[in-house]
Amino acid sequence: MRLDAHQHFWHYVPEHYPWITDRLGALTRDFMPADLEPHLRALAFDGTIAVQARQDVGDTEFLLGLAERHPMIKGVVGWVDLCSSDVGRQLDTYASHAALVGVRHIVHDEPDDDFMLRQDFRAGIARLREYGLTYDLLLFPQHLSRAVSLVDEFPEQAFVLDHIAKPRIRDRRMSPWDDDLRRLAERPNVVCKLSGLVTEARWDAWQPADIVPYLDVVVQAFGTSRLLIGSDWPVCTLAADYAGTMGLVIDYVNARHAAAADAIFGGNAATFYGIEVAPP
């Protein structure tokens, strides 16, 4: 099974998506499964993991509803209020849905860089394993050291790093992102999505050569058995179309790590998110 491990759907309502600023004006419309399906089919991908894009349980309900109607959605990474004393009830409500495979919070938009170390947030993280749910780490480079502390507190919890922690590719800046990412990768319960790369480069002028050094660091740090390809569609369309975004990673893997292509292009995601793969 070939899986896009990271993309989004939404019915665009401005007040629901304050992160979609004027600079991201191309995203101010609906993006739905019918828009994505031809792109998946063109690259022979079997399905996708749909990831939350707003901090509201309504988004979780919306994505789970789409999963019921569209078999291409193999899993949903939703949102619950991990800081709430009511988080258990929320998890009881949504984790009973077979499509819910994980939870995410948009940590990098929190004004407090130590947000994920708050006691109430950590108490929420502590509940996820009993429901068999993973946690997506959405971070900027300055959050990586905090993520190490969080992951060390929960060695049995499965974590995945989104977008390789958004290094400053456009500025050709590597340090201290590279060292901090290697430290996080030393934790065996963390995997990493090869996603969100083109939007961290110069949108109108990136070349694969700008991004390859960052891919080299990630592969060396995590190894090919802990990497998942993801498009970050439709956000990726700010810098490249779907084929170009996925093709960047596909070409890189096929040229350098061809023996691991099946794993990176879907097998690792299926294992991490617990997606059942039908026998051939």
Protein backbone atom coordinates (compact mmCIF):
# COMPACT_ATOMS: atom_id res chain seq x y z
CA MET A 1 0.00 0.00 0.00
CA ARG A 2 1.28 3.44 -0.99
CA LEU A 3 0.12 6.12 1.44
CA ASP A 4 0.36 9.88 1.51
CA ALA A 5 0.93 10.19 5.26
CA HIS A 6 0.00 13.85 5.59
CA GLN A 7 -2.59 16.08 3.94
CA HIS A 8 -5.62 18.19 4.81
CA PHE A 9 -9.24 18.77 3.85
CA TRP A 10 -11.43 21.74 4.70
CA HIS A 11 -14.54 23.71 3.93
CA TYR A 12 -13.03 27.19 4.03
CA VAL A 13 -14.53 29.55 6.57
CA PRO A 14 -12.16 32.47 7.37
CA GLU A 15 -12.75 32.50 11.13
CA HIS A 16 -12.02 28.77 11.33
CA TYR A 17 -8.58 29.09 9.75
CA PRO A 18 -6.84 32.21 11.11
CA TRP A 19 -3.48 30.73 10.11
CA ILE A 20 -4.47 31.16 6.44
CA THR A 21 -3.25 34.74 6.11
CA ASP A 22 -3.36 36.98 3.04
CA ARG A 23 0.01 35.58 1.98
CA LEU A 24 -1.65 32.16 1.75
CA GLY A 25 -4.57 33.42 -0.32
CA ALA A 26 -4.47 30.45 -2.70
CA LEU A 27 -5.75 28.30 0.16
CA THR A 28 -8.93 30.31 0.74
CA ARG A 29 -11.29 27.81 -0.86
CA ASP A 30 -12.61 24.32 -0.18
CA PHE A 31 -10.26 21.35 -0.58
CA MET A 32 -12.07 18.03 -0.56
CA PRO A 33 -11.42 14.35 -1.38
CA ALA A 34 -12.63 14.75 -4.96
CA ASP A 35 -9.87 17.35 -5.47
CA LEU A 36 -7.14 15.08 -4.12
CA GLU A 37 -8.16 11.72 -5.56
CA PRO A 38 -6.91 12.32 -9.15
CA HIS A 39 -3.49 13.30 -7.81
CA LEU A 40 -3.23 10.14 -5.71
CA ARG A 41 -4.31 8.01 -8.65
CA ALA A 42 -1.80 9.65 -11.00
CA LEU A 43 1.08 8.63 -8.70
CA ALA A 44 -0.38 5.19 -7.92
CA PHE A 45 -1.01 6.02 -4.26
CA ASP A 46 -3.72 3.95 -2.61
CA GLY A 47 -4.78 6.32 0.10
CA THR A 48 -4.04 9.08 2.51
CA ILE A 49 -3.88 10.11 6.16
CA ALA A 50 -6.06 13.20 6.67
CA VAL A 51 -4.68 15.54 9.35
CA GLN A 52 -6.48 18.21 11.36
CA ALA A 53 -6.06 21.82 10.32
CA ARG A 54 -7.93 23.66 13.08
CA GLN A 55 -8.13 23.42 16.86
CA ASP A 56 -11.69 22.24 17.26
CA VAL A 57 -13.35 18.86 17.74
CA GLY A 58 -15.63 19.90 14.88
CA ASP A 59 -12.65 19.37 12.57
CA THR A 60 -12.19 15.86 13.97
CA GLU A 61 -15.86 15.11 13.34
CA PHE A 62 -15.62 16.53 9.82
CA LEU A 63 -12.60 14.36 8.91
CA LEU A 64 -14.11 11.23 10.43
CA GLY A 65 -17.26 11.86 8.43
CA LEU A 66 -15.21 12.14 5.24
CA ALA A 67 -13.44 8.88 6.09
CA GLU A 68 -16.79 7.11 6.33
CA ARG A 69 -17.65 8.20 2.78
CA HIS A 70 -14.27 8.01 1.06
CA PRO A 71 -12.28 4.75 1.27
CA MET A 72 -9.16 6.58 0.06
CA ILE A 73 -8.92 8.09 3.58
CA LYS A 74 -7.16 5.32 5.46
CA GLY A 75 -6.76 7.21 8.72
CA VAL A 76 -7.48 10.50 10.47
CA VAL A 77 -5.21 12.49 12.77
CA GLY A 78 -7.71 14.62 14.63
CA TRP A 79 -7.75 17.19 17.42
CA VAL A 80 -8.97 16.94 20.98
CA ASP A 81 -8.27 19.39 23.77
CA LEU A 82 -5.34 17.67 25.42
CA CYS A 83 -5.20 20.42 28.05
CA SER A 84 -8.78 19.86 29.17
CA SER A 85 -9.82 17.96 32.28
CA ASP A 86 -12.52 16.61 29.96
CA VAL A 87 -10.04 15.04 27.52
CA GLY A 88 -11.02 11.52 28.57
CA ARG A 89 -14.61 12.05 27.50
CA GLN A 90 -13.47 13.50 24.17
CA LEU A 91 -11.21 10.50 23.57
CA ASP A 92 -14.02 8.12 24.51
CA THR A 93 -16.21 9.82 21.92
CA TYR A 94 -13.81 9.86 18.97
CA ALA A 95 -11.37 7.00 19.54
CA SER A 96 -14.20 4.52 19.06
CA HIS A 97 -14.15 5.47 15.39
CA ALA A 98 -11.88 3.04 13.53
CA ALA A 99 -10.50 5.79 11.29
CA LEU A 100 -9.03 7.85 14.15
CA VAL A 101 -5.37 6.89 14.32
CA GLY A 102 -3.79 9.87 16.01
CA VAL A 103 -4.05 13.35 17.52
CA ARG A 104 -2.28 16.61 16.76
CA HIS A 105 -2.07 20.08 18.27
CA ILE A 106 -0.71 23.07 16.33
CA VAL A 107 2.04 23.60 18.88
CA HIS A 108 4.19 25.85 16.70
CA ASP A 109 1.47 28.53 16.71
CA GLU A 110 1.30 28.67 20.50
CA PRO A 111 2.93 31.87 21.85
CA ASP A 112 4.66 29.88 24.60
CA ASP A 113 7.57 27.85 23.22
CA ASP A 114 7.26 25.61 26.29
CA PHE A 115 3.58 24.86 25.63
CA MET A 116 4.11 21.13 25.17
CA LEU A 117 5.80 20.93 28.57
CA ARG A 118 2.76 22.32 30.42
CA GLN A 119 1.44 19.92 33.03
CA ASP A 120 -2.08 19.89 31.60
CA PHE A 121 -0.85 19.18 28.06
CA ARG A 122 1.40 16.38 29.28
CA ALA A 123 -1.53 14.92 31.21
CA GLY A 124 -3.41 14.77 27.92
CA ILE A 125 -0.51 13.08 26.15
CA ALA A 126 -0.46 10.51 28.94
CA ARG A 127 -3.98 9.41 27.97
CA LEU A 128 -3.30 8.65 24.30
CA ARG A 129 -1.61 5.28 24.62
CA GLU A 130 -4.59 3.67 26.37
CA TYR A 131 -6.64 4.52 23.26
CA GLY A 132 -3.99 3.29 20.83
CA LEU A 133 -3.47 6.77 19.38
CA THR A 134 -0.29 8.30 18.01
CA TYR A 135 0.74 11.94 18.41
CA ASP A 136 1.93 14.23 15.59
CA LEU A 137 4.59 16.76 16.62
CA LEU A 138 4.05 19.99 14.64
CA LEU A 139 7.07 22.11 15.53
CA PHE A 140 9.49 24.80 14.51
CA PRO A 141 13.22 24.13 15.04
CA GLN A 142 13.26 25.94 18.40
CA HIS A 143 10.78 23.39 19.75
CA LEU A 144 12.91 20.32 19.06
CA SER A 145 14.72 20.40 22.41
CA ARG A 146 11.35 20.62 24.19
CA ALA A 147 10.12 17.70 22.12
CA VAL A 148 13.05 15.62 23.38
CA SER A 149 11.92 16.27 26.95
CA LEU A 150 8.32 15.39 26.13
CA VAL A 151 9.23 12.18 24.30
CA ASP A 152 11.57 11.11 27.10
CA GLU A 153 8.68 11.38 29.56
CA PHE A 154 6.54 9.04 27.42
CA PRO A 155 8.84 6.36 25.99
CA GLU A 156 5.91 4.03 25.21
CA GLN A 157 3.95 6.66 23.29
CA ALA A 158 4.31 6.69 19.49
CA PHE A 159 5.26 10.12 18.12
CA VAL A 160 5.76 11.35 14.56
CA LEU A 161 7.57 14.56 13.63
CA ASP A 162 5.71 16.53 10.97
CA HIS A 163 7.52 18.38 8.16
CA ILE A 164 10.99 17.54 9.57
CA ALA A 165 10.35 20.41 12.07
CA LYS A 166 10.30 23.08 9.34
CA PRO A 167 13.98 24.01 9.02
CA ARG A 168 14.87 27.34 7.37
CA ILE A 169 15.47 25.90 3.92
CA ARG A 170 14.84 29.23 2.21
CA ASP A 171 17.73 30.73 4.20
CA ARG A 172 19.96 27.65 3.71
CA ARG A 173 20.16 27.48 7.48
CA MET A 174 21.04 24.08 8.93
CA SER A 175 22.15 24.67 12.54
CA PRO A 176 20.99 24.10 15.24
CA TRP A 177 18.08 22.26 13.58
CA ASP A 178 20.32 19.41 12.43
CA ASP A 179 21.82 18.64 15.84
CA ASP A 180 18.50 18.95 17.64
CA LEU A 181 16.77 16.72 15.08
CA ARG A 182 19.46 14.06 15.54
CA ARG A 183 18.86 14.15 19.30
CA LEU A 184 15.14 13.62 18.81
CA ALA A 185 15.79 10.81 16.33
CA GLU A 186 17.77 8.93 18.99
CA ARG A 187 14.41 8.20 20.63
CA PRO A 188 13.12 4.99 19.01
CA ASN A 189 9.46 5.86 19.57
CA VAL A 190 9.68 8.80 17.13
CA VAL A 191 9.29 8.59 13.35
CA CYS A 192 9.42 11.43 10.83
CA LYS A 193 7.36 12.62 7.88
CA LEU A 194 9.16 13.71 4.73
CA SER A 195 6.56 16.41 4.19
CA GLY A 196 6.17 20.17 4.15
CA LEU A 197 9.53 20.64 2.46
CA VAL A 198 8.76 22.81 -0.56
CA THR A 199 6.93 25.42 1.50
CA GLU A 200 10.00 25.92 3.70
CA ALA A 201 12.04 26.69 0.57
CA ARG A 202 11.63 29.73 -1.69
CA TRP A 203 8.19 29.19 -3.14
CA ASP A 204 8.91 30.65 -6.55
CA ALA A 205 12.50 29.53 -7.03
CA TRP A 206 13.29 26.30 -5.16
CA GLN A 207 15.30 23.50 -6.70
CA PRO A 208 15.73 19.91 -5.45
CA ALA A 209 19.35 20.74 -4.67
CA ASP A 210 18.13 23.24 -2.05
CA ILE A 211 16.30 20.51 -0.16
CA VAL A 212 18.48 17.42 -0.63
CA PRO A 213 20.94 18.36 2.17
CA TYR A 214 18.05 18.43 4.65
CA LEU A 215 16.77 15.08 3.42
CA ASP A 216 20.26 13.67 3.87
CA VAL A 217 20.30 14.76 7.52
CA VAL A 218 16.87 13.25 8.20
CA VAL A 219 17.63 9.91 6.55
CA GLN A 220 20.93 9.64 8.40
CA ALA A 221 19.20 10.48 11.70
CA PHE A 222 16.06 8.34 11.48
CA GLY A 223 17.06 5.59 9.07
CA THR A 224 14.75 4.47 6.29
CA SER A 225 12.52 2.34 8.54
CA ARG A 226 11.20 5.44 10.38
CA LEU A 227 10.39 7.73 7.44
CA LEU A 228 6.96 8.43 5.91
CA ILE A 229 6.28 10.33 2.70
CA GLY A 230 3.66 13.06 2.91
CA SER A 231 2.49 15.83 0.60
CA ASP A 232 1.04 18.42 3.01
CA TRP A 233 -1.51 19.06 0.26
CA PRO A 234 -3.08 21.55 -0.28
CA VAL A 235 -0.57 23.72 1.61
CA CYS A 236 2.18 22.41 -0.67
CA THR A 237 0.46 24.04 -3.66
CA LEU A 238 1.82 27.38 -2.52
CA ALA A 239 5.20 26.21 -3.83
CA ALA A 240 4.57 23.21 -6.12
CA ASP A 241 1.83 21.04 -7.51
CA TYR A 242 1.08 17.65 -5.99
CA ALA A 243 3.19 15.70 -8.48
CA GLY A 244 6.16 18.01 -8.01
CA THR A 245 5.91 17.92 -4.22
CA MET A 246 5.73 14.14 -3.98
CA GLY A 247 8.13 13.70 -6.88
CA LEU A 248 10.86 15.51 -4.95
CA VAL A 249 10.88 12.78 -2.28
CA ILE A 250 10.09 9.92 -4.66
CA ASP A 251 13.04 10.81 -6.89
CA TYR A 252 15.34 11.25 -3.90
CA VAL A 253 14.42 7.88 -2.41
CA ASN A 254 14.52 6.01 -5.70
CA ALA A 255 17.98 7.39 -6.47
CA ARG A 256 19.56 6.83 -3.06
CA HIS A 257 17.50 4.34 -1.05
CA ALA A 258 15.58 2.31 -3.61
CA ALA A 259 15.50 -0.81 -1.42
CA ALA A 260 13.46 1.15 1.14
CA ALA A 261 11.08 2.77 -1.33
CA ASP A 262 8.08 0.56 -0.52
CA ALA A 263 8.53 1.23 3.19
CA ILE A 264 8.90 5.00 2.86
CA PHE A 265 6.10 5.30 0.31
CA GLY A 266 3.56 3.55 2.48
CA GLY A 267 4.72 0.56 4.50
CA ASN A 268 6.13 2.60 7.36
CA ALA A 269 2.98 4.75 7.56
CA ALA A 270 0.74 1.68 7.57
CA THR A 271 2.76 0.21 10.45
CA PHE A 272 2.94 3.43 12.44
CA TYR A 273 -0.75 4.31 12.11
CA GLY A 274 -1.98 0.72 12.30
CA ILE A 275 -3.51 0.68 8.83
CA GLU A 276 -4.50 -2.81 7.71
CA VAL A 277 -2.99 -3.77 4.36
CA ALA A 278 -5.05 -6.23 2.33
CA PRO A 279 -3.05 -9.20 0.97
CA PRO A 280 -2.32 -9.08 -2.78
